[in-house]
Amino acid sequence: MNPEFAVETVKAMIFQALTLAAPILLAALVIGLGVSLFQAVTSIHEQTLSFVPKVLGIVVVTVIALPWMLRSAMEFTTMLIEKMPQMVR
């Protein structure tokens, strides 16, 4: 395996991980921002008020995005398995 191939493979792995994590992280970010804004406006600083909506939002986004995430991960894994003969040269 030459260094260029290894670098491209690692770069593809990092991009795949970021792509799969992005919907969940963006949902947590948007929900957290909304809850923080609500808490600042109403002066309610209850810890569970920020935790429960995030958990519910992440669960909903995960359930909605799970088919895409699984398909994407399977395609990436298939691509890596197909490239294995090039890795042993």
PDB file of N, CA and C in Angstrom:
ATOM      1  N   MET A   1       0.853  -1.173   0.000  1.00  0.00           N
ATOM      2  CA  MET A   1       0.000   0.000   0.000  1.00  0.00           C
ATOM      3  C   MET A   1       0.897   1.234   0.000  1.00  0.00           C
ATOM      4  N   ASN A   2       0.677   2.098  -0.965  1.00  0.00           N
ATOM      5  CA  ASN A   2       1.494   3.306  -1.023  1.00  0.00           C
ATOM      6  C   ASN A   2       0.889   4.384  -0.114  1.00  0.00           C
ATOM      7  N   PRO A   3       1.683   5.370   0.258  1.00  0.00           N
ATOM      8  CA  PRO A   3       1.209   6.398   1.187  1.00  0.00           C
ATOM      9  C   PRO A   3       0.013   7.199   0.666  1.00  0.00           C
ATOM     10  N   GLU A   4      -0.034   7.455  -0.636  1.00  0.00           N
ATOM     11  CA  GLU A   4      -1.146   8.216  -1.189  1.00  0.00           C
ATOM     12  C   GLU A   4      -2.462   7.472  -1.015  1.00  0.00           C
ATOM     13  N   PHE A   5      -2.433   6.165  -1.234  1.00  0.00           N
ATOM     14  CA  PHE A   5      -3.636   5.355  -1.075  1.00  0.00           C
ATOM     15  C   PHE A   5      -4.087   5.348   0.383  1.00  0.00           C
ATOM     16  N   ALA A   6      -3.126   5.245   1.308  1.00  0.00           N
ATOM     17  CA  ALA A   6      -3.460   5.247   2.733  1.00  0.00           C
ATOM     18  C   ALA A   6      -4.065   6.586   3.148  1.00  0.00           C
ATOM     19  N   VAL A   7      -3.493   7.674   2.668  1.00  0.00           N
ATOM     20  CA  VAL A   7      -4.009   9.005   3.017  1.00  0.00           C
ATOM     21  C   VAL A   7      -5.417   9.192   2.469  1.00  0.00           C
ATOM     22  N   GLU A   8      -5.650   8.773   1.234  1.00  0.00           N
ATOM     23  CA  GLU A   8      -6.984   8.889   0.637  1.00  0.00           C
ATOM     24  C   GLU A   8      -8.002   8.042   1.396  1.00  0.00           C
ATOM     25  N   THR A   9      -7.605   6.865   1.830  1.00  0.00           N
ATOM     26  CA  THR A   9      -8.505   5.990   2.577  1.00  0.00           C
ATOM     27  C   THR A   9      -8.858   6.600   3.932  1.00  0.00           C
ATOM     28  N   VAL A  10      -7.869   7.123   4.630  1.00  0.00           N
ATOM     29  CA  VAL A  10      -8.128   7.750   5.932  1.00  0.00           C
ATOM     30  C   VAL A  10      -8.985   9.007   5.759  1.00  0.00           C
ATOM     31  N   LYS A  11      -8.703   9.783   4.703  1.00  0.00           N
ATOM     32  CA  LYS A  11      -9.506  10.970   4.444  1.00  0.00           C
ATOM     33  C   LYS A  11     -10.963  10.597   4.166  1.00  0.00           C
ATOM     34  N   ALA A  12     -11.173   9.539   3.414  1.00  0.00           N
ATOM     35  CA  ALA A  12     -12.530   9.080   3.119  1.00  0.00           C
ATOM     36  C   ALA A  12     -13.224   8.589   4.390  1.00  0.00           C
ATOM     37  N   MET A  13     -12.482   7.932   5.270  1.00  0.00           N
ATOM     38  CA  MET A  13     -13.063   7.460   6.534  1.00  0.00           C
ATOM     39  C   MET A  13     -13.487   8.628   7.429  1.00  0.00           C
ATOM     40  N   ILE A  14     -12.655   9.636   7.517  1.00  0.00           N
ATOM     41  CA  ILE A  14     -12.981  10.805   8.338  1.00  0.00           C
ATOM     42  C   ILE A  14     -14.192  11.538   7.756  1.00  0.00           C
ATOM     43  N   PHE A  15     -14.223  11.691   6.437  1.00  0.00           N
ATOM     44  CA  PHE A  15     -15.361  12.355   5.802  1.00  0.00           C
ATOM     45  C   PHE A  15     -16.641  11.558   6.019  1.00  0.00           C
ATOM     46  N   GLN A  16     -16.556  10.233   5.938  1.00  0.00           N
ATOM     47  CA  GLN A  16     -17.726   9.388   6.166  1.00  0.00           C
ATOM     48  C   GLN A  16     -18.227   9.530   7.606  1.00  0.00           C
ATOM     49  N   ALA A  17     -17.321   9.544   8.562  1.00  0.00           N
ATOM     50  CA  ALA A  17     -17.711   9.698   9.966  1.00  0.00           C
ATOM     51  C   ALA A  17     -18.383  11.053  10.201  1.00  0.00           C
ATOM     52  N   LEU A  18     -17.835  12.111   9.626  1.00  0.00           N
ATOM     53  CA  LEU A  18     -18.440  13.433   9.771  1.00  0.00           C
ATOM     54  C   LEU A  18     -19.807  13.508   9.097  1.00  0.00           C
ATOM     55  N   THR A  19     -19.928  12.882   7.941  1.00  0.00           N
ATOM     56  CA  THR A  19     -21.200  12.893   7.227  1.00  0.00           C
ATOM     57  C   THR A  19     -22.274  12.147   8.011  1.00  0.00           C
ATOM     58  N   LEU A  20     -21.917  11.039   8.630  1.00  0.00           N
ATOM     59  CA  LEU A  20     -22.896  10.269   9.394  1.00  0.00           C
ATOM     60  C   LEU A  20     -23.261  10.952  10.709  1.00  0.00           C
ATOM     61  N   ALA A  21     -22.339  11.676  11.302  1.00  0.00           N
ATOM     62  CA  ALA A  21     -22.600  12.323  12.588  1.00  0.00           C
ATOM     63  C   ALA A  21     -23.289  13.686  12.436  1.00  0.00           C
ATOM     64  N   ALA A  22     -23.186  14.284  11.266  1.00  0.00           N
ATOM     65  CA  ALA A  22     -23.688  15.649  11.076  1.00  0.00           C
ATOM     66  C   ALA A  22     -25.176  15.828  11.378  1.00  0.00           C
ATOM     67  N   PRO A  23     -26.078  14.976  10.901  1.00  0.00           N
ATOM     68  CA  PRO A  23     -27.496  15.224  11.195  1.00  0.00           C
ATOM     69  C   PRO A  23     -27.813  15.208  12.690  1.00  0.00           C
ATOM     70  N   ILE A  24     -27.214  14.290  13.409  1.00  0.00           N
ATOM     71  CA  ILE A  24     -27.467  14.188  14.848  1.00  0.00           C
ATOM     72  C   ILE A  24     -26.881  15.395  15.582  1.00  0.00           C
ATOM     73  N   LEU A  25     -25.677  15.775  15.220  1.00  0.00           N
ATOM     74  CA  LEU A  25     -25.046  16.913  15.879  1.00  0.00           C
ATOM     75  C   LEU A  25     -25.763  18.224  15.565  1.00  0.00           C
ATOM     76  N   LEU A  26     -26.212  18.371  14.319  1.00  0.00           N
ATOM     77  CA  LEU A  26     -26.946  19.587  13.959  1.00  0.00           C
ATOM     78  C   LEU A  26     -28.290  19.661  14.684  1.00  0.00           C
ATOM     79  N   ALA A  27     -28.952  18.524  14.828  1.00  0.00           N
ATOM     80  CA  ALA A  27     -30.221  18.517  15.571  1.00  0.00           C
ATOM     81  C   ALA A  27     -29.993  18.924  17.020  1.00  0.00           C
ATOM     82  N   ALA A  28     -28.955  18.382  17.649  1.00  0.00           N
ATOM     83  CA  ALA A  28     -28.645  18.739  19.036  1.00  0.00           C
ATOM     84  C   ALA A  28     -28.288  20.219  19.151  1.00  0.00           C
ATOM     85  N   LEU A  29     -27.562  20.738  18.171  1.00  0.00           N
ATOM     86  CA  LEU A  29     -27.182  22.145  18.182  1.00  0.00           C
ATOM     87  C   LEU A  29     -28.399  23.060  18.071  1.00  0.00           C
ATOM     88  N   VAL A  30     -29.270  22.775  17.130  1.00  0.00           N
ATOM     89  CA  VAL A  30     -30.445  23.625  16.917  1.00  0.00           C
ATOM     90  C   VAL A  30     -31.388  23.553  18.111  1.00  0.00           C
ATOM     91  N   ILE A  31     -31.631  22.353  18.617  1.00  0.00           N
ATOM     92  CA  ILE A  31     -32.520  22.208  19.772  1.00  0.00           C
ATOM     93  C   ILE A  31     -31.913  22.875  21.006  1.00  0.00           C
ATOM     94  N   GLY A  32     -30.629  22.695  21.219  1.00  0.00           N
ATOM     95  CA  GLY A  32     -29.960  23.333  22.356  1.00  0.00           C
ATOM     96  C   GLY A  32     -30.007  24.848  22.274  1.00  0.00           C
ATOM     97  N   LEU A  33     -29.814  25.380  21.073  1.00  0.00           N
ATOM     98  CA  LEU A  33     -29.894  26.827  20.893  1.00  0.00           C
ATOM     99  C   LEU A  33     -31.302  27.342  21.174  1.00  0.00           C
ATOM    100  N   GLY A  34     -32.296  26.629  20.677  1.00  0.00           N
ATOM    101  CA  GLY A  34     -33.685  27.029  20.932  1.00  0.00           C
ATOM    102  C   GLY A  34     -34.048  26.976  22.400  1.00  0.00           C
ATOM    103  N   VAL A  35     -33.643  25.929  23.080  1.00  0.00           N
ATOM    104  CA  VAL A  35     -33.938  25.797  24.511  1.00  0.00           C
ATOM    105  C   VAL A  35     -33.195  26.865  25.301  1.00  0.00           C
ATOM    106  N   SER A  36     -31.956  27.143  24.945  1.00  0.00           N
ATOM    107  CA  SER A  36     -31.197  28.188  25.644  1.00  0.00           C
ATOM    108  C   SER A  36     -31.846  29.557  25.463  1.00  0.00           C
ATOM    109  N   LEU A  37     -32.300  29.830  24.261  1.00  0.00           N
ATOM    110  CA  LEU A  37     -32.994  31.085  24.015  1.00  0.00           C
ATOM    111  C   LEU A  37     -34.281  31.163  24.837  1.00  0.00           C
ATOM    112  N   PHE A  38     -35.031  30.083  24.882  1.00  0.00           N
ATOM    113  CA  PHE A  38     -36.251  30.030  25.687  1.00  0.00           C
ATOM    114  C   PHE A  38     -35.940  30.243  27.167  1.00  0.00           C
ATOM    115  N   GLN A  39     -34.881  29.607  27.663  1.00  0.00           N
ATOM    116  CA  GLN A  39     -34.505  29.761  29.069  1.00  0.00           C
ATOM    117  C   GLN A  39     -34.063  31.184  29.372  1.00  0.00           C
ATOM    118  N   ALA A  40     -33.373  31.812  28.443  1.00  0.00           N
ATOM    119  CA  ALA A  40     -32.925  33.186  28.671  1.00  0.00           C
ATOM    120  C   ALA A  40     -34.105  34.156  28.687  1.00  0.00           C
ATOM    121  N   VAL A  41     -35.081  33.914  27.841  1.00  0.00           N
ATOM    122  CA  VAL A  41     -36.241  34.805  27.762  1.00  0.00           C
ATOM    123  C   VAL A  41     -37.131  34.641  28.983  1.00  0.00           C
ATOM    124  N   THR A  42     -37.333  33.407  29.424  1.00  0.00           N
ATOM    125  CA  THR A  42     -38.265  33.159  30.527  1.00  0.00           C
ATOM    126  C   THR A  42     -37.597  33.090  31.889  1.00  0.00           C
ATOM    127  N   SER A  43     -36.302  33.121  31.963  1.00  0.00           N
ATOM    128  CA  SER A  43     -35.531  32.997  33.215  1.00  0.00           C
ATOM    129  C   SER A  43     -35.808  31.680  33.941  1.00  0.00           C
ATOM    130  N   ILE A  44     -36.152  30.658  33.193  1.00  0.00           N
ATOM    131  CA  ILE A  44     -36.313  29.314  33.755  1.00  0.00           C
ATOM    132  C   ILE A  44     -35.024  28.559  33.472  1.00  0.00           C
ATOM    133  N   HIS A  45     -34.356  28.124  34.521  1.00  0.00           N
ATOM    134  CA  HIS A  45     -33.080  27.434  34.345  1.00  0.00           C
ATOM    135  C   HIS A  45     -33.144  26.035  34.928  1.00  0.00           C
ATOM    136  N   GLU A  46     -34.078  25.264  34.439  1.00  0.00           N
ATOM    137  CA  GLU A  46     -34.237  23.879  34.865  1.00  0.00           C
ATOM    138  C   GLU A  46     -33.352  22.991  33.995  1.00  0.00           C
ATOM    139  N   GLN A  47     -32.578  22.105  34.622  1.00  0.00           N
ATOM    140  CA  GLN A  47     -31.639  21.266  33.873  1.00  0.00           C
ATOM    141  C   GLN A  47     -32.356  20.298  32.942  1.00  0.00           C
ATOM    142  N   THR A  48     -33.467  19.731  33.405  1.00  0.00           N
ATOM    143  CA  THR A  48     -34.168  18.763  32.562  1.00  0.00           C
ATOM    144  C   THR A  48     -34.819  19.432  31.365  1.00  0.00           C
ATOM    145  N   LEU A  49     -35.057  20.728  31.439  1.00  0.00           N
ATOM    146  CA  LEU A  49     -35.651  21.446  30.314  1.00  0.00           C
ATOM    147  C   LEU A  49     -34.710  21.448  29.109  1.00  0.00           C
ATOM    148  N   SER A  50     -33.426  21.413  29.340  1.00  0.00           N
ATOM    149  CA  SER A  50     -32.493  21.374  28.215  1.00  0.00           C
ATOM    150  C   SER A  50     -32.148  19.948  27.807  1.00  0.00           C
ATOM    151  N   PHE A  51     -32.271  18.997  28.710  1.00  0.00           N
ATOM    152  CA  PHE A  51     -31.868  17.622  28.417  1.00  0.00           C
ATOM    153  C   PHE A  51     -32.936  16.848  27.650  1.00  0.00           C
ATOM    154  N   VAL A  52     -34.154  16.894  28.118  1.00  0.00           N
ATOM    155  CA  VAL A  52     -35.227  16.084  27.537  1.00  0.00           C
ATOM    156  C   VAL A  52     -35.508  16.447  26.071  1.00  0.00           C
ATOM    157  N   PRO A  53     -35.637  17.723  25.705  1.00  0.00           N
ATOM    158  CA  PRO A  53     -35.872  18.014  24.277  1.00  0.00           C
ATOM    159  C   PRO A  53     -34.722  17.565  23.378  1.00  0.00           C
ATOM    160  N   LYS A  54     -33.491  17.688  23.862  1.00  0.00           N
ATOM    161  CA  LYS A  54     -32.355  17.235  23.064  1.00  0.00           C
ATOM    162  C   LYS A  54     -32.425  15.740  22.826  1.00  0.00           C
ATOM    163  N   VAL A  55     -32.694  14.986  23.869  1.00  0.00           N
ATOM    164  CA  VAL A  55     -32.763  13.532  23.731  1.00  0.00           C
ATOM    165  C   VAL A  55     -33.880  13.145  22.773  1.00  0.00           C
ATOM    166  N   LEU A  56     -35.044  13.737  22.939  1.00  0.00           N
ATOM    167  CA  LEU A  56     -36.166  13.421  22.055  1.00  0.00           C
ATOM    168  C   LEU A  56     -35.862  13.819  20.609  1.00  0.00           C
ATOM    169  N   GLY A  57     -35.268  14.973  20.418  1.00  0.00           N
ATOM    170  CA  GLY A  57     -34.915  15.418  19.069  1.00  0.00           C
ATOM    171  C   GLY A  57     -33.884  14.524  18.423  1.00  0.00           C
ATOM    172  N   ILE A  58     -32.889  14.107  19.185  1.00  0.00           N
ATOM    173  CA  ILE A  58     -31.860  13.225  18.648  1.00  0.00           C
ATOM    174  C   ILE A  58     -32.454  11.870  18.281  1.00  0.00           C
ATOM    175  N   VAL A  59     -33.354  11.366  19.113  1.00  0.00           N
ATOM    176  CA  VAL A  59     -34.008  10.091  18.798  1.00  0.00           C
ATOM    177  C   VAL A  59     -34.817  10.214  17.513  1.00  0.00           C
ATOM    178  N   VAL A  60     -35.570  11.289  17.360  1.00  0.00           N
ATOM    179  CA  VAL A  60     -36.384  11.482  16.155  1.00  0.00           C
ATOM    180  C   VAL A  60     -35.502  11.592  14.914  1.00  0.00           C
ATOM    181  N   VAL A  61     -34.455  12.392  14.992  1.00  0.00           N
ATOM    182  CA  VAL A  61     -33.559  12.558  13.841  1.00  0.00           C
ATOM    183  C   VAL A  61     -32.861  11.239  13.517  1.00  0.00           C
ATOM    184  N   THR A  62     -32.456  10.496  14.526  1.00  0.00           N
ATOM    185  CA  THR A  62     -31.805   9.214  14.292  1.00  0.00           C
ATOM    186  C   THR A  62     -32.755   8.232  13.618  1.00  0.00           C
ATOM    187  N   VAL A  63     -33.992   8.177  14.079  1.00  0.00           N
ATOM    188  CA  VAL A  63     -34.963   7.262  13.464  1.00  0.00           C
ATOM    189  C   VAL A  63     -35.229   7.656  12.014  1.00  0.00           C
ATOM    190  N   ILE A  64     -35.331   8.947  11.745  1.00  0.00           N
ATOM    191  CA  ILE A  64     -35.589   9.405  10.378  1.00  0.00           C
ATOM    192  C   ILE A  64     -34.372   9.164   9.477  1.00  0.00           C
ATOM    193  N   ALA A  65     -33.169   9.426   9.987  1.00  0.00           N
ATOM    194  CA  ALA A  65     -31.957   9.334   9.162  1.00  0.00           C
ATOM    195  C   ALA A  65     -31.329   7.952   9.160  1.00  0.00           C
ATOM    196  N   LEU A  66     -31.823   7.030   9.978  1.00  0.00           N
ATOM    197  CA  LEU A  66     -31.181   5.725  10.098  1.00  0.00           C
ATOM    198  C   LEU A  66     -31.107   4.952   8.785  1.00  0.00           C
ATOM    199  N   PRO A  67     -32.156   4.900   7.965  1.00  0.00           N
ATOM    200  CA  PRO A  67     -32.008   4.173   6.692  1.00  0.00           C
ATOM    201  C   PRO A  67     -30.898   4.747   5.807  1.00  0.00           C
ATOM    202  N   TRP A  68     -30.835   6.067   5.718  1.00  0.00           N
ATOM    203  CA  TRP A  68     -29.772   6.690   4.935  1.00  0.00           C
ATOM    204  C   TRP A  68     -28.400   6.409   5.533  1.00  0.00           C
ATOM    205  N   MET A  69     -28.298   6.495   6.854  1.00  0.00           N
ATOM    206  CA  MET A  69     -27.017   6.269   7.518  1.00  0.00           C
ATOM    207  C   MET A  69     -26.540   4.826   7.306  1.00  0.00           C
ATOM    208  N   LEU A  70     -27.445   3.866   7.431  1.00  0.00           N
ATOM    209  CA  LEU A  70     -27.070   2.468   7.224  1.00  0.00           C
ATOM    210  C   LEU A  70     -26.670   2.211   5.774  1.00  0.00           C
ATOM    211  N   ARG A  71     -27.422   2.764   4.824  1.00  0.00           N
ATOM    212  CA  ARG A  71     -27.098   2.579   3.413  1.00  0.00           C
ATOM    213  C   ARG A  71     -25.734   3.188   3.099  1.00  0.00           C
ATOM    214  N   SER A  72     -25.485   4.370   3.626  1.00  0.00           N
ATOM    215  CA  SER A  72     -24.206   5.037   3.391  1.00  0.00           C
ATOM    216  C   SER A  72     -23.046   4.254   3.999  1.00  0.00           C
ATOM    217  N   ALA A  73     -23.227   3.768   5.211  1.00  0.00           N
ATOM    218  CA  ALA A  73     -22.174   2.983   5.856  1.00  0.00           C
ATOM    219  C   ALA A  73     -21.932   1.664   5.121  1.00  0.00           C
ATOM    220  N   MET A  74     -22.996   1.041   4.638  1.00  0.00           N
ATOM    221  CA  MET A  74     -22.828  -0.212   3.897  1.00  0.00           C
ATOM    222  C   MET A  74     -22.120   0.014   2.564  1.00  0.00           C
ATOM    223  N   GLU A  75     -22.457   1.090   1.867  1.00  0.00           N
ATOM    224  CA  GLU A  75     -21.776   1.403   0.614  1.00  0.00           C
ATOM    225  C   GLU A  75     -20.298   1.694   0.845  1.00  0.00           C
ATOM    226  N   PHE A  76     -20.003   2.415   1.928  1.00  0.00           N
ATOM    227  CA  PHE A  76     -18.604   2.725   2.231  1.00  0.00           C
ATOM    228  C   PHE A  76     -17.832   1.452   2.583  1.00  0.00           C
ATOM    229  N   THR A  77     -18.453   0.586   3.370  1.00  0.00           N
ATOM    230  CA  THR A  77     -17.803  -0.674   3.735  1.00  0.00           C
ATOM    231  C   THR A  77     -17.578  -1.539   2.502  1.00  0.00           C
ATOM    232  N   THR A  78     -18.553  -1.593   1.619  1.00  0.00           N
ATOM    233  CA  THR A  78     -18.398  -2.350   0.377  1.00  0.00           C
ATOM    234  C   THR A  78     -17.254  -1.799  -0.460  1.00  0.00           C
ATOM    235  N   MET A  79     -17.160  -0.472  -0.530  1.00  0.00           N
ATOM    236  CA  MET A  79     -16.070   0.148  -1.275  1.00  0.00           C
ATOM    237  C   MET A  79     -14.714  -0.213  -0.666  1.00  0.00           C
ATOM    238  N   LEU A  80     -14.629  -0.215   0.657  1.00  0.00           N
ATOM    239  CA  LEU A  80     -13.364  -0.580   1.303  1.00  0.00           C
ATOM    240  C   LEU A  80     -13.015  -2.037   1.056  1.00  0.00           C
ATOM    241  N   ILE A  81     -13.998  -2.915   1.121  1.00  0.00           N
ATOM    242  CA  ILE A  81     -13.742  -4.343   0.881  1.00  0.00           C
ATOM    243  C   ILE A  81     -13.296  -4.570  -0.556  1.00  0.00           C
ATOM    244  N   GLU A  82     -13.890  -3.830  -1.493  1.00  0.00           N
ATOM    245  CA  GLU A  82     -13.468  -3.967  -2.896  1.00  0.00           C
ATOM    246  C   GLU A  82     -12.051  -3.453  -3.123  1.00  0.00           C
ATOM    247  N   LYS A  83     -11.604  -2.504  -2.306  1.00  0.00           N
ATOM    248  CA  LYS A  83     -10.248  -1.966  -2.450  1.00  0.00           C
ATOM    249  C   LYS A  83      -9.191  -2.774  -1.701  1.00  0.00           C
ATOM    250  N   MET A  84      -9.585  -3.803  -0.964  1.00  0.00           N
ATOM    251  CA  MET A  84      -8.617  -4.585  -0.185  1.00  0.00           C
ATOM    252  C   MET A  84      -7.502  -5.198  -1.015  1.00  0.00           C
ATOM    253  N   PRO A  85      -7.757  -5.677  -2.232  1.00  0.00           N
ATOM    254  CA  PRO A  85      -6.616  -6.199  -3.024  1.00  0.00           C
ATOM    255  C   PRO A  85      -5.547  -5.140  -3.281  1.00  0.00           C
ATOM    256  N   GLN A  86      -5.932  -3.888  -3.402  1.00  0.00           N
ATOM    257  CA  GLN A  86      -4.953  -2.819  -3.622  1.00  0.00           C
ATOM    258  C   GLN A  86      -4.151  -2.537  -2.351  1.00  0.00           C
ATOM    259  N   MET A  87      -4.704  -2.901  -1.199  1.00  0.00           N
ATOM    260  CA  MET A  87      -4.032  -2.608   0.063  1.00  0.00           C
ATOM    261  C   MET A  87      -2.848  -3.520   0.339  1.00  0.00           C
ATOM    262  N   VAL A  88      -2.826  -4.687  -0.238  1.00  0.00           N
ATOM    263  CA  VAL A  88      -1.761  -5.650   0.075  1.00  0.00           C
ATOM    264  C   VAL A  88      -0.602  -5.579  -0.893  1.00  0.00           C
ATOM    265  N   ARG A  89      -0.663  -4.738  -1.884  1.00  0.00           N
ATOM    266  CA  ARG A  89       0.446  -4.622  -2.851  1.00  0.00           C
ATOM    267  C   ARG A  89       1.640  -3.985  -2.231  1.00  0.00           C
TER     268      ARG A  89
END
